[in-house]
Amino acid sequence: MSKEQLQIREKLQTNLKEPRRYKVIIYNDDFTTMEFVVMILVQVFMKSQEEAEALMLQVHHSDKAVVGIYSYDIAVSKANKATQMAREQGYPLRLTVELAEE
C-alpha cells in the first residue's frame, strides 16, 4: 500500500458514536396546578393535549414521570425553560435531567 492509500484509509476509519441521551423528569408537588403542568408539557415539551394530560396524571399518581429524552443541551434547555416559567408563576415545580440508560 502506498502512503497516500494508507492516509485515506485512516481518514475513513472514524469511530463515531451516537450522542448520549438524557431524560427530563418532572416531579409532583402539592402547589403546582395540574393545568400549569399540562401547559408546560404542551408549550415546552411539544406534547399533544392528550399526551400532556396523561403525563400530568402519571406525575400526580406516581410522583414523577419522564417527559422526554433528548441530547444533553436540549434536555437542560427544556428543563431550565420549564423551571423558569414555573418560578415566574410562583410554582415550585421541579425538573431534573438524568442520563438515560442505553
C-alpha atoms as a PDB file:
ATOM      1  CA  MET A   1       0.000   0.000   0.000  1.00  0.00           C
ATOM      2  CA  SER A   2       1.304   3.429  -0.845  1.00  0.00           C
ATOM      3  CA  LYS A   3       1.428   6.226   1.715  1.00  0.00           C
ATOM      4  CA  GLU A   4      -1.461   8.012   0.013  1.00  0.00           C
ATOM      5  CA  GLN A   5      -3.729   4.960   0.244  1.00  0.00           C
ATOM      6  CA  LEU A   6      -2.790   4.455   3.895  1.00  0.00           C
ATOM      7  CA  GLN A   7      -3.665   8.061   4.745  1.00  0.00           C
ATOM      8  CA  ILE A   8      -7.033   7.779   3.041  1.00  0.00           C
ATOM      9  CA  ARG A   9      -7.776   4.567   4.876  1.00  0.00           C
ATOM     10  CA  GLU A  10      -7.038   6.218   8.235  1.00  0.00           C
ATOM     11  CA  LYS A  11      -9.442   9.025   7.474  1.00  0.00           C
ATOM     12  CA  LEU A  12     -12.221   6.595   6.576  1.00  0.00           C
ATOM     13  CA  GLN A  13     -11.932   4.728   9.864  1.00  0.00           C
ATOM     14  CA  THR A  14     -13.597   7.079  12.292  1.00  0.00           C
ATOM     15  CA  ASN A  15     -15.194   5.932  15.492  1.00  0.00           C
ATOM     16  CA  LEU A  16     -18.391   7.920  15.581  1.00  0.00           C
ATOM     17  CA  LYS A  17     -20.707   7.323  18.489  1.00  0.00           C
ATOM     18  CA  GLU A  18     -24.325   8.270  18.961  1.00  0.00           C
ATOM     19  CA  PRO A  19     -24.560  11.226  21.324  1.00  0.00           C
ATOM     20  CA  ARG A  20     -25.623  10.307  24.824  1.00  0.00           C
ATOM     21  CA  ARG A  21     -29.287  10.775  25.585  1.00  0.00           C
ATOM     22  CA  TYR A  22     -30.719  12.393  28.693  1.00  0.00           C
ATOM     23  CA  LYS A  23     -34.185  12.114  30.189  1.00  0.00           C
ATOM     24  CA  VAL A  24     -36.076  15.035  31.648  1.00  0.00           C
ATOM     25  CA  ILE A  25     -38.034  14.055  34.745  1.00  0.00           C
ATOM     26  CA  ILE A  26     -40.849  16.145  36.215  1.00  0.00           C
ATOM     27  CA  TYR A  27     -41.835  15.721  39.867  1.00  0.00           C
ATOM     28  CA  ASN A  28     -45.152  16.061  41.657  1.00  0.00           C
ATOM     29  CA  ASP A  29     -45.697  18.743  44.287  1.00  0.00           C
ATOM     30  CA  ASP A  30     -48.701  19.958  46.246  1.00  0.00           C
ATOM     31  CA  PHE A  31     -48.698  23.505  44.850  1.00  0.00           C
ATOM     32  CA  THR A  32     -48.235  23.474  41.066  1.00  0.00           C
ATOM     33  CA  THR A  33     -51.625  23.218  39.386  1.00  0.00           C
ATOM     34  CA  MET A  34     -52.436  20.400  37.008  1.00  0.00           C
ATOM     35  CA  GLU A  35     -53.383  22.932  34.350  1.00  0.00           C
ATOM     36  CA  PHE A  36     -49.979  24.605  34.592  1.00  0.00           C
ATOM     37  CA  VAL A  37     -48.183  21.244  34.266  1.00  0.00           C
ATOM     38  CA  VAL A  38     -50.234  20.434  31.148  1.00  0.00           C
ATOM     39  CA  MET A  39     -49.425  23.873  29.709  1.00  0.00           C
ATOM     40  CA  ILE A  40     -45.670  23.318  30.305  1.00  0.00           C
ATOM     41  CA  LEU A  41     -45.824  19.901  28.672  1.00  0.00           C
ATOM     42  CA  VAL A  42     -47.580  21.312  25.611  1.00  0.00           C
ATOM     43  CA  GLN A  43     -45.545  24.517  25.209  1.00  0.00           C
ATOM     44  CA  VAL A  44     -42.051  23.432  26.270  1.00  0.00           C
ATOM     45  CA  PHE A  45     -42.013  19.690  25.586  1.00  0.00           C
ATOM     46  CA  MET A  46     -44.267  19.817  22.477  1.00  0.00           C
ATOM     47  CA  LYS A  47     -46.692  17.171  23.733  1.00  0.00           C
ATOM     48  CA  SER A  48     -50.214  16.914  22.387  1.00  0.00           C
ATOM     49  CA  GLN A  49     -53.019  17.886  24.753  1.00  0.00           C
ATOM     50  CA  GLU A  50     -53.865  14.200  25.285  1.00  0.00           C
ATOM     51  CA  GLU A  51     -50.219  13.207  25.926  1.00  0.00           C
ATOM     52  CA  ALA A  52     -49.773  16.127  28.309  1.00  0.00           C
ATOM     53  CA  GLU A  53     -52.858  15.212  30.319  1.00  0.00           C
ATOM     54  CA  ALA A  54     -51.775  11.554  30.532  1.00  0.00           C
ATOM     55  CA  LEU A  55     -48.285  12.569  31.688  1.00  0.00           C
ATOM     56  CA  MET A  56     -49.719  15.015  34.215  1.00  0.00           C
ATOM     57  CA  LEU A  57     -51.860  12.223  35.693  1.00  0.00           C
ATOM     58  CA  GLN A  58     -48.845   9.908  35.770  1.00  0.00           C
ATOM     59  CA  VAL A  59     -46.903  12.549  37.715  1.00  0.00           C
ATOM     60  CA  HIS A  60     -49.855  13.082  40.037  1.00  0.00           C
ATOM     61  CA  HIS A  61     -50.209   9.382  40.836  1.00  0.00           C
ATOM     62  CA  SER A  62     -46.558   8.243  40.667  1.00  0.00           C
ATOM     63  CA  ASP A  63     -44.808  11.387  41.995  1.00  0.00           C
ATOM     64  CA  LYS A  64     -42.680  11.676  38.839  1.00  0.00           C
ATOM     65  CA  ALA A  65     -42.605  10.954  35.117  1.00  0.00           C
ATOM     66  CA  VAL A  66     -40.152  11.097  32.225  1.00  0.00           C
ATOM     67  CA  VAL A  67     -41.399  13.811  29.901  1.00  0.00           C
ATOM     68  CA  GLY A  68     -38.819  13.348  27.162  1.00  0.00           C
ATOM     69  CA  ILE A  69     -35.424  12.014  26.144  1.00  0.00           C
ATOM     70  CA  TYR A  70     -33.085  14.408  24.354  1.00  0.00           C
ATOM     71  CA  SER A  71     -29.456  15.275  23.747  1.00  0.00           C
ATOM     72  CA  TYR A  72     -27.864  16.931  26.791  1.00  0.00           C
ATOM     73  CA  ASP A  73     -28.137  20.540  25.611  1.00  0.00           C
ATOM     74  CA  ILE A  74     -31.766  20.223  24.606  1.00  0.00           C
ATOM     75  CA  ALA A  75     -32.716  18.384  27.820  1.00  0.00           C
ATOM     76  CA  VAL A  76     -31.105  21.059  30.001  1.00  0.00           C
ATOM     77  CA  SER A  77     -32.592  23.874  27.930  1.00  0.00           C
ATOM     78  CA  LYS A  78     -36.133  22.471  28.177  1.00  0.00           C
ATOM     79  CA  ALA A  79     -35.816  21.764  31.917  1.00  0.00           C
ATOM     80  CA  ASN A  80     -34.490  25.280  32.550  1.00  0.00           C
ATOM     81  CA  LYS A  81     -37.240  26.889  30.437  1.00  0.00           C
ATOM     82  CA  ALA A  82     -39.981  24.963  32.280  1.00  0.00           C
ATOM     83  CA  THR A  83     -38.441  25.799  35.669  1.00  0.00           C
ATOM     84  CA  GLN A  84     -38.181  29.482  34.738  1.00  0.00           C
ATOM     85  CA  MET A  85     -41.827  29.576  33.638  1.00  0.00           C
ATOM     86  CA  ALA A  86     -42.886  27.897  36.887  1.00  0.00           C
ATOM     87  CA  ARG A  87     -40.930  30.364  39.030  1.00  0.00           C
ATOM     88  CA  GLU A  88     -42.441  33.299  37.161  1.00  0.00           C
ATOM     89  CA  GLN A  89     -45.865  31.983  38.185  1.00  0.00           C
ATOM     90  CA  GLY A  90     -44.741  31.258  41.759  1.00  0.00           C
ATOM     91  CA  TYR A  91     -44.769  27.451  41.452  1.00  0.00           C
ATOM     92  CA  PRO A  92     -42.083  25.176  42.970  1.00  0.00           C
ATOM     93  CA  LEU A  93     -42.200  22.749  40.014  1.00  0.00           C
ATOM     94  CA  ARG A  94     -39.051  20.605  39.930  1.00  0.00           C
ATOM     95  CA  LEU A  95     -37.463  19.005  36.880  1.00  0.00           C
ATOM     96  CA  THR A  96     -34.209  17.099  36.650  1.00  0.00           C
ATOM     97  CA  VAL A  97     -32.011  15.845  33.807  1.00  0.00           C
ATOM     98  CA  GLU A  98     -30.505  12.369  34.106  1.00  0.00           C
ATOM     99  CA  LEU A  99     -28.514  10.154  31.788  1.00  0.00           C
ATOM    100  CA  ALA A 100     -30.879   7.754  30.020  1.00  0.00           C
ATOM    101  CA  GLU A 101     -29.990   4.081  30.163  1.00  0.00           C
ATOM    102  CA  GLU A 102     -28.792   2.776  26.853  1.00  0.00           C
END
